[in-house]
Amino acid sequence: MLGEVGTFTKGAPLSKADISEEGTPFILYGELYTTYNEVTNAIVRKTDKAADLSQYSRIGDVIIPTSGETPEEIATATCVMLPNVILAGDLNIFRGTKVDGRIISYIVNHVINRDISRIAQGKSVVHVKADELSKIRINYPNSEEQKKLIRFLEILSGRIEKQRQLVELLKSYKRGFLNSYISQNEQDWSKVRLSDILTERKEYCEKDGTYPHATLSKDGVYGKTDRYDRDYLVTSDDKKYKVTHKGDLCYNPANLKFGVICINTYGDAIFSPIYVTFEISEQHNTEFVGAYLMRSDFINQALRFQEGTVYERMAVSPDDLLAMQIHLPPKEKQDKLADVLSKMQMKIQAEEDVLNKTALLKKVLLSLLFI
């Protein structure tokens, strides 16, 4: 059991409010979901606060969140390979006595993650206790095999990180190309109101059945239903769900601040009523218009129309969005630019496929190594 190969202690009672420009490196529990992978060799935050001696890292400490939004989310960990880092609140700190912390972190993330999800308790916020974690059974190799595995996983993880950086570089290049081209040429383009090229689609489910359920991402709309990717069963109570088609422009009025406005690249699916979808005029190139509106410059302009209160989510209404004006080139130019952007996206997708396959290989190997 996990408790037989190490001990648990709690993190320091520090939060985002304790971040400072100078001071001691420290890790917040939320950063395990956004910033750190299985092994941590560099720290992004500092604090001018102090903590109990037991809450400063030792090389090889494994940290696991004590709380999260979902049972699946909470089943994550990182091994801190640096000393004297303050490990902040809402963290279980595991200090191994028989197993290298990096091996424990890989086991937590890829082998016993489902076991951790099962013992998580709570609804809107879930929690996991150290004494429950300590009861989870694990298999681990001897010390010599641990060293070989760590070296192999470091090489594989390094390959994944380089591929991830390549994907981000290609995305950045695509954004830079589009922004530069627009800024240099839009003064010569025609000014149009979005209401002249976009029509809100108000099509709703008309019958019971199963449908792909769409979700938004910055890269497009994906037909998904739940974490198991099954089609969503629509009943008479769900007729308020909207229908979206390939080529629609989609956004969530209350989430525009996160930059999520995109083109439906998936196909026919249904949307939650909170989303708004627009059909783009045939006189314009869907891909180019979508790329233009996904730019941060446009989104920042749209955010000036946000309305709401502390009791109501800030939102950009469809009417305000449609009232905005943009500059567009002739349709032939839109088509040519869309073709260039499409070829860039194909290259990005190809590299993302390599990234995903390599990450999947790592996941499969890890699940087999510790059976």
Protein backbone atom coordinates (compact mmCIF):
# COMPACT_ATOMS: atom_id res chain seq x y z
CA MET A 1 0.00 0.00 0.00
CA LEU A 2 1.07 3.59 -0.62
CA GLY A 3 1.29 4.26 3.11
CA GLU A 4 3.83 1.44 3.49
CA VAL A 5 6.39 3.08 1.19
CA GLY A 6 6.23 6.64 2.51
CA THR A 7 4.50 9.16 4.74
CA PHE A 8 2.02 11.99 4.18
CA THR A 9 1.98 15.54 5.49
CA LYS A 10 -0.03 18.69 4.68
CA GLY A 11 0.98 21.75 2.66
CA ALA A 12 1.36 25.29 4.05
CA PRO A 13 -1.76 27.48 4.47
CA LEU A 14 -0.86 29.83 1.59
CA SER A 15 -2.90 30.92 -1.45
CA LYS A 16 -2.79 33.10 -4.59
CA ALA A 17 -2.91 36.15 -2.35
CA ASP A 18 0.59 35.24 -1.10
CA ILE A 19 2.28 35.44 -4.53
CA SER A 20 5.10 38.00 -4.64
CA GLU A 21 7.79 39.17 -7.06
CA GLU A 22 10.63 38.06 -4.81
CA GLY A 23 11.00 35.43 -2.15
CA THR A 24 10.90 31.65 -1.86
CA PRO A 25 9.70 29.45 -4.72
CA PHE A 26 6.33 27.87 -3.96
CA ILE A 27 3.65 25.74 -5.60
CA LEU A 28 -0.12 26.25 -5.44
CA TYR A 29 -2.36 23.20 -5.66
CA GLY A 30 -4.22 24.58 -8.71
CA GLU A 31 -0.97 24.65 -10.68
CA LEU A 32 -0.91 20.86 -10.73
CA TYR A 33 -3.83 21.12 -13.17
CA THR A 34 -2.34 23.86 -15.35
CA THR A 35 1.43 24.19 -15.01
CA TYR A 36 3.26 21.10 -13.79
CA ASN A 37 3.58 17.61 -15.27
CA GLU A 38 4.63 14.34 -13.63
CA VAL A 39 8.09 15.73 -12.73
CA THR A 40 8.86 19.33 -11.78
CA ASN A 41 12.34 20.80 -12.29
CA ALA A 42 11.49 24.54 -12.32
CA ILE A 43 9.09 26.67 -10.27
CA VAL A 44 7.08 29.59 -11.65
CA ARG A 45 5.86 31.28 -8.41
CA LYS A 46 7.46 32.98 -5.42
CA THR A 47 6.22 34.12 -2.04
CA ASP A 48 7.63 36.34 0.67
CA LYS A 49 5.81 34.28 3.31
CA ALA A 50 7.38 31.57 5.47
CA ALA A 51 6.14 28.09 6.33
CA ASP A 52 6.74 25.25 8.74
CA LEU A 53 9.95 23.33 8.03
CA SER A 54 7.96 20.21 7.06
CA GLN A 55 6.21 22.22 4.31
CA TYR A 56 9.44 22.97 2.42
CA SER A 57 10.15 20.41 -0.28
CA ARG A 58 12.79 17.76 -0.20
CA ILE A 59 14.06 16.39 -3.51
CA GLY A 60 11.66 13.65 -4.58
CA ASP A 61 8.57 14.86 -2.71
CA VAL A 62 5.32 13.99 -4.47
CA ILE A 63 2.43 16.41 -4.12
CA ILE A 64 -1.22 15.49 -4.70
CA PRO A 65 -4.15 17.95 -4.45
CA THR A 66 -6.50 17.54 -1.51
CA SER A 67 -9.36 19.17 -3.43
CA GLY A 68 -10.58 19.73 -6.99
CA GLU A 69 -13.68 20.26 -9.12
CA THR A 70 -14.11 16.63 -10.21
CA PRO A 71 -12.97 13.19 -8.98
CA GLU A 72 -11.01 12.75 -12.21
CA GLU A 73 -9.25 16.08 -11.86
CA ILE A 74 -8.04 15.42 -8.34
CA ALA A 75 -6.18 12.26 -9.39
CA THR A 76 -2.97 14.05 -10.41
CA ALA A 77 0.49 14.56 -8.95
CA THR A 78 3.96 15.94 -9.58
CA CYS A 79 7.32 14.97 -8.14
CA VAL A 80 9.27 18.05 -7.03
CA MET A 81 12.96 17.59 -7.86
CA LEU A 82 14.06 20.77 -6.07
CA PRO A 83 14.71 21.40 -2.36
CA ASN A 84 13.28 24.22 -0.21
CA VAL A 85 10.18 24.94 -2.29
CA ILE A 86 7.18 25.91 -0.16
CA LEU A 87 4.38 23.45 -0.88
CA ALA A 88 1.19 25.44 -0.34
CA GLY A 89 -2.26 24.63 1.02
CA ASP A 90 -4.66 21.99 -0.29
CA LEU A 91 -1.74 19.67 -1.03
CA ASN A 92 -0.95 16.22 0.30
CA ILE A 93 2.84 15.89 0.49
CA PHE A 94 4.10 12.32 0.08
CA ARG A 95 7.67 11.51 1.13
CA GLY A 96 8.82 8.12 -0.06
CA THR A 97 11.05 5.77 1.87
CA LYS A 98 11.36 2.87 -0.58
CA VAL A 99 10.34 4.17 -4.01
CA ASP A 100 11.72 7.07 -6.06
CA GLY A 101 9.23 9.95 -6.02
CA ARG A 102 9.23 10.14 -9.81
CA ILE A 103 8.02 6.54 -10.01
CA ILE A 104 5.28 7.32 -7.46
CA SER A 105 4.18 10.34 -9.50
CA TYR A 106 3.93 8.26 -12.68
CA ILE A 107 1.93 5.62 -10.79
CA VAL A 108 -0.48 8.22 -9.37
CA ASN A 109 -1.05 9.91 -12.74
CA HIS A 110 -1.36 6.82 -14.92
CA VAL A 111 -2.05 3.71 -12.84
CA ILE A 112 -3.97 4.42 -9.62
CA ASN A 113 -5.69 7.60 -10.85
CA ARG A 114 -9.01 5.75 -11.08
CA ASP A 115 -8.57 4.41 -7.55
CA ILE A 116 -8.06 7.97 -6.32
CA SER A 117 -11.15 9.18 -8.21
CA ARG A 118 -13.23 6.50 -6.50
CA ILE A 119 -12.25 7.60 -2.99
CA ALA A 120 -12.76 11.33 -3.68
CA GLN A 121 -15.72 12.75 -1.74
CA GLY A 122 -17.93 15.79 -2.30
CA LYS A 123 -20.15 17.34 -4.99
CA SER A 124 -19.36 20.89 -6.14
CA VAL A 125 -15.84 20.46 -4.69
CA VAL A 126 -14.35 17.02 -4.11
CA HIS A 127 -11.74 16.11 -1.51
CA VAL A 128 -9.34 13.25 -0.91
CA LYS A 129 -7.74 12.48 2.46
CA ALA A 130 -4.20 11.30 3.04
CA ASP A 131 -5.30 8.34 5.15
CA GLU A 132 -7.46 7.12 2.26
CA LEU A 133 -4.60 7.58 -0.21
CA SER A 134 -2.29 5.58 2.03
CA LYS A 135 -4.57 2.52 1.69
CA ILE A 136 -4.30 2.33 -2.11
CA ARG A 137 -2.28 -0.67 -3.28
CA ILE A 138 0.58 -0.16 -5.75
CA ASN A 139 3.11 -2.32 -7.55
CA TYR A 140 6.64 -0.99 -8.02
CA PRO A 141 9.97 -2.27 -9.37
CA ASN A 142 13.20 -2.74 -7.43
CA SER A 143 15.66 0.14 -7.09
CA GLU A 144 17.78 -0.90 -10.10
CA GLU A 145 14.73 -1.17 -12.36
CA GLN A 146 13.46 2.16 -11.03
CA LYS A 147 16.62 3.89 -12.31
CA LYS A 148 16.22 2.36 -15.79
CA LEU A 149 12.54 3.30 -15.94
CA ILE A 150 13.19 6.86 -14.86
CA ARG A 151 15.82 7.31 -17.58
CA PHE A 152 13.52 5.87 -20.22
CA LEU A 153 10.56 8.00 -19.10
CA GLU A 154 12.73 11.13 -19.00
CA ILE A 155 13.70 10.56 -22.65
CA LEU A 156 10.09 9.92 -23.66
CA SER A 157 8.80 12.92 -21.68
CA GLY A 158 11.49 15.10 -23.24
CA ARG A 159 10.38 14.01 -26.70
CA ILE A 160 6.77 14.87 -25.84
CA GLU A 161 7.75 18.29 -24.50
CA LYS A 162 9.74 19.14 -27.64
CA GLN A 163 6.78 18.10 -29.78
CA ARG A 164 4.44 20.22 -27.66
CA GLN A 165 6.74 23.21 -28.12
CA LEU A 166 6.77 22.64 -31.88
CA VAL A 167 2.97 22.62 -31.97
CA GLU A 168 2.81 25.85 -29.96
CA LEU A 169 5.42 27.45 -32.23
CA LEU A 170 3.39 26.57 -35.34
CA LYS A 171 0.20 27.95 -33.76
CA SER A 172 2.03 31.14 -32.82
CA TYR A 173 3.36 31.47 -36.38
CA LYS A 174 -0.14 31.08 -37.81
CA ARG A 175 -1.54 33.73 -35.45
CA GLY A 176 1.36 36.07 -36.22
CA PHE A 177 0.95 35.67 -39.97
CA LEU A 178 -2.78 36.45 -39.84
CA ASN A 179 -2.42 39.41 -37.48
CA SER A 180 0.40 40.90 -39.52
CA TYR A 181 -1.44 40.49 -42.82
CA ILE A 182 -4.64 42.04 -41.48
CA SER A 183 -2.91 45.01 -39.84
CA GLN A 184 -1.01 45.78 -43.08
CA ASN A 185 -3.99 45.49 -45.42
CA GLU A 186 -7.32 46.04 -43.68
CA GLN A 187 -7.30 49.81 -44.37
CA ASP A 188 -7.86 48.90 -48.02
CA TRP A 189 -10.68 46.43 -47.29
CA SER A 190 -14.43 47.06 -47.10
CA LYS A 191 -16.00 47.82 -43.75
CA VAL A 192 -18.94 45.51 -42.94
CA ARG A 193 -21.26 45.14 -39.98
CA LEU A 194 -21.35 41.61 -38.59
CA SER A 195 -25.14 41.61 -38.81
CA ASP A 196 -24.71 41.80 -42.61
CA ILE A 197 -22.71 38.57 -42.80
CA LEU A 198 -23.91 36.59 -39.75
CA THR A 199 -27.40 35.26 -39.03
CA GLU A 200 -28.15 33.78 -35.63
CA ARG A 201 -29.20 30.15 -35.98
CA LYS A 202 -32.21 29.34 -33.80
CA GLU A 203 -32.76 25.73 -34.74
CA TYR A 204 -33.81 23.40 -31.94
CA CYS A 205 -34.08 19.63 -31.48
CA GLU A 206 -37.44 18.50 -32.82
CA LYS A 207 -37.51 14.84 -31.90
CA ASP A 208 -36.19 12.36 -29.37
CA GLY A 209 -33.07 10.42 -30.22
CA THR A 210 -29.30 10.37 -29.85
CA TYR A 211 -27.11 13.20 -31.10
CA PRO A 212 -23.45 14.20 -30.85
CA HIS A 213 -23.25 16.82 -28.11
CA ALA A 214 -20.95 19.71 -29.04
CA THR A 215 -18.41 21.40 -26.78
CA LEU A 216 -16.26 24.45 -27.53
CA SER A 217 -12.51 24.76 -27.68
CA LYS A 218 -10.18 27.43 -29.06
CA ASP A 219 -9.39 25.13 -31.97
CA GLY A 220 -12.96 24.35 -33.01
CA VAL A 221 -16.17 22.66 -32.02
CA TYR A 222 -16.05 19.01 -31.10
CA GLY A 223 -18.97 16.61 -31.03
CA LYS A 224 -18.73 15.04 -27.60
CA THR A 225 -21.26 13.98 -25.05
CA ASP A 226 -19.52 13.08 -21.84
CA ARG A 227 -16.12 11.81 -20.86
CA TYR A 228 -16.93 8.48 -22.54
CA ASP A 229 -17.77 10.09 -25.91
CA ARG A 230 -21.22 8.52 -26.21
CA ASP A 231 -23.97 10.26 -28.13
CA TYR A 232 -26.25 12.36 -25.97
CA LEU A 233 -29.77 10.98 -25.52
CA VAL A 234 -32.27 13.77 -26.15
CA THR A 235 -35.71 13.46 -24.54
CA SER A 236 -38.79 15.66 -24.65
CA ASP A 237 -37.31 17.75 -21.82
CA ASP A 238 -34.29 18.65 -23.95
CA LYS A 239 -36.05 20.21 -26.94
CA LYS A 240 -34.54 23.55 -25.94
CA TYR A 241 -31.15 22.26 -27.11
CA LYS A 242 -29.91 24.03 -30.23
CA VAL A 243 -28.65 22.42 -33.42
CA THR A 244 -25.34 23.51 -34.94
CA HIS A 245 -23.98 22.65 -38.38
CA LYS A 246 -20.49 22.52 -39.83
CA GLY A 247 -19.27 26.02 -40.67
CA ASP A 248 -21.30 27.76 -37.96
CA LEU A 249 -19.62 30.42 -35.86
CA CYS A 250 -20.12 29.57 -32.18
CA TYR A 251 -19.48 31.27 -28.84
CA ASN A 252 -20.56 31.38 -25.23
CA PRO A 253 -21.62 34.96 -24.37
CA ALA A 254 -20.36 34.56 -20.79
CA ASN A 255 -17.04 32.93 -21.72
CA LEU A 256 -15.77 35.23 -24.43
CA LYS A 257 -13.20 36.57 -21.96
CA PHE A 258 -11.42 33.20 -22.26
CA GLY A 259 -11.05 33.72 -26.00
CA VAL A 260 -13.36 30.87 -26.98
CA ILE A 261 -15.06 31.83 -30.23
CA CYS A 262 -14.75 29.32 -33.01
CA ILE A 263 -15.98 27.69 -36.18
CA ASN A 264 -17.82 24.36 -36.01
CA THR A 265 -15.29 22.03 -37.61
CA TYR A 266 -17.07 18.90 -36.40
CA GLY A 267 -20.45 18.79 -38.16
CA ASP A 268 -24.09 18.44 -37.13
CA ALA A 269 -24.46 18.33 -33.35
CA ILE A 270 -26.47 19.83 -30.52
CA PHE A 271 -25.48 22.63 -28.19
CA SER A 272 -26.50 23.64 -24.70
CA PRO A 273 -28.88 26.64 -24.83
CA ILE A 274 -26.17 28.84 -23.28
CA TYR A 275 -24.27 28.84 -26.58
CA VAL A 276 -24.98 31.10 -29.55
CA THR A 277 -24.38 30.01 -33.12
CA PHE A 278 -24.35 32.04 -36.33
CA GLU A 279 -24.62 30.97 -39.95
CA ILE A 280 -22.07 32.79 -42.12
CA SER A 281 -23.20 34.31 -45.40
CA GLU A 282 -22.29 32.35 -48.54
CA GLN A 283 -20.78 35.57 -49.95
CA HIS A 284 -17.90 35.18 -47.49
CA ASN A 285 -15.35 32.47 -46.73
CA THR A 286 -16.30 30.71 -43.52
CA GLU A 287 -12.75 29.75 -42.56
CA PHE A 288 -11.36 33.24 -43.09
CA VAL A 289 -14.20 35.01 -41.25
CA GLY A 290 -13.83 32.55 -38.39
CA ALA A 291 -10.06 33.09 -38.20
CA TYR A 292 -10.57 36.87 -38.28
CA LEU A 293 -13.06 36.76 -35.39
CA MET A 294 -10.98 34.34 -33.30
CA ARG A 295 -8.14 36.85 -33.12
CA SER A 296 -7.42 38.28 -29.68
CA ASP A 297 -7.65 41.83 -31.11
CA PHE A 298 -11.27 41.27 -32.13
CA ILE A 299 -12.19 39.48 -28.91
CA ASN A 300 -10.73 42.30 -26.81
CA GLN A 301 -12.87 44.78 -28.76
CA ALA A 302 -15.96 42.64 -28.20
CA LEU A 303 -15.28 42.43 -24.46
CA ARG A 304 -15.90 46.17 -24.18
CA PHE A 305 -19.59 45.33 -24.58
CA GLN A 306 -19.68 43.02 -21.56
CA GLU A 307 -22.58 43.61 -19.22
CA GLY A 308 -23.51 42.03 -15.92
CA THR A 309 -23.19 42.30 -12.16
CA VAL A 310 -21.55 40.41 -9.33
CA TYR A 311 -24.72 38.32 -9.21
CA GLU A 312 -24.91 37.83 -12.96
CA ARG A 313 -22.13 36.55 -15.20
CA MET A 314 -20.57 39.20 -17.41
CA ALA A 315 -21.60 38.53 -21.00
CA VAL A 316 -21.38 39.90 -24.54
CA SER A 317 -24.86 39.67 -26.06
CA PRO A 318 -25.46 38.46 -29.64
CA ASP A 319 -26.97 41.85 -30.50
CA ASP A 320 -23.85 43.70 -29.38
CA LEU A 321 -21.63 41.28 -31.25
CA LEU A 322 -23.66 41.68 -34.46
CA ALA A 323 -23.46 45.48 -34.17
CA MET A 324 -19.65 45.40 -34.42
CA GLN A 325 -17.89 46.36 -37.65
CA ILE A 326 -14.86 44.70 -39.24
CA HIS A 327 -12.84 45.08 -42.45
CA LEU A 328 -12.93 42.23 -44.97
CA PRO A 329 -11.21 41.75 -48.35
CA PRO A 330 -13.09 40.59 -51.48
CA LYS A 331 -14.29 36.97 -51.51
CA GLU A 332 -11.50 35.86 -53.88
CA LYS A 333 -8.85 37.20 -51.48
CA GLN A 334 -10.64 35.58 -48.53
CA ASP A 335 -10.53 32.24 -50.37
CA LYS A 336 -6.78 32.54 -51.03
CA LEU A 337 -6.01 33.51 -47.44
CA ALA A 338 -8.23 30.71 -46.15
CA ASP A 339 -6.29 28.26 -48.31
CA VAL A 340 -2.98 29.43 -46.77
CA LEU A 341 -4.45 29.19 -43.26
CA SER A 342 -5.85 25.75 -44.05
CA LYS A 343 -2.43 24.47 -45.12
CA MET A 344 -0.90 25.87 -41.93
CA GLN A 345 -3.62 24.16 -39.91
CA MET A 346 -2.98 20.86 -41.69
CA LYS A 347 0.67 21.07 -40.63
CA ILE A 348 -0.36 21.92 -37.07
CA GLN A 349 -2.81 19.01 -37.03
CA ALA A 350 -0.17 16.60 -38.32
CA GLU A 351 2.24 17.62 -35.54
CA GLU A 352 -0.56 17.47 -32.96
CA ASP A 353 -1.30 13.92 -34.10
CA VAL A 354 2.36 13.02 -33.50
CA LEU A 355 2.13 14.65 -30.05
CA ASN A 356 -1.07 12.80 -29.15
CA LYS A 357 0.25 9.45 -30.36
CA THR A 358 3.49 9.85 -28.41
CA ALA A 359 1.57 10.86 -25.28
CA LEU A 360 -0.73 7.86 -25.73
CA LEU A 361 2.27 5.56 -26.13
CA LYS A 362 3.64 6.88 -22.84
CA LYS A 363 0.28 6.37 -21.13
CA VAL A 364 -0.07 2.79 -22.39
CA LEU A 365 3.50 1.89 -21.44
CA LEU A 366 3.03 3.29 -17.94
CA SER A 367 -0.21 1.37 -17.43
CA LEU A 368 1.58 -1.85 -18.44
CA LEU A 369 4.78 -1.25 -16.48
CA PHE A 370 3.18 -1.20 -13.04
CA ILE A 371 0.54 -3.92 -13.34
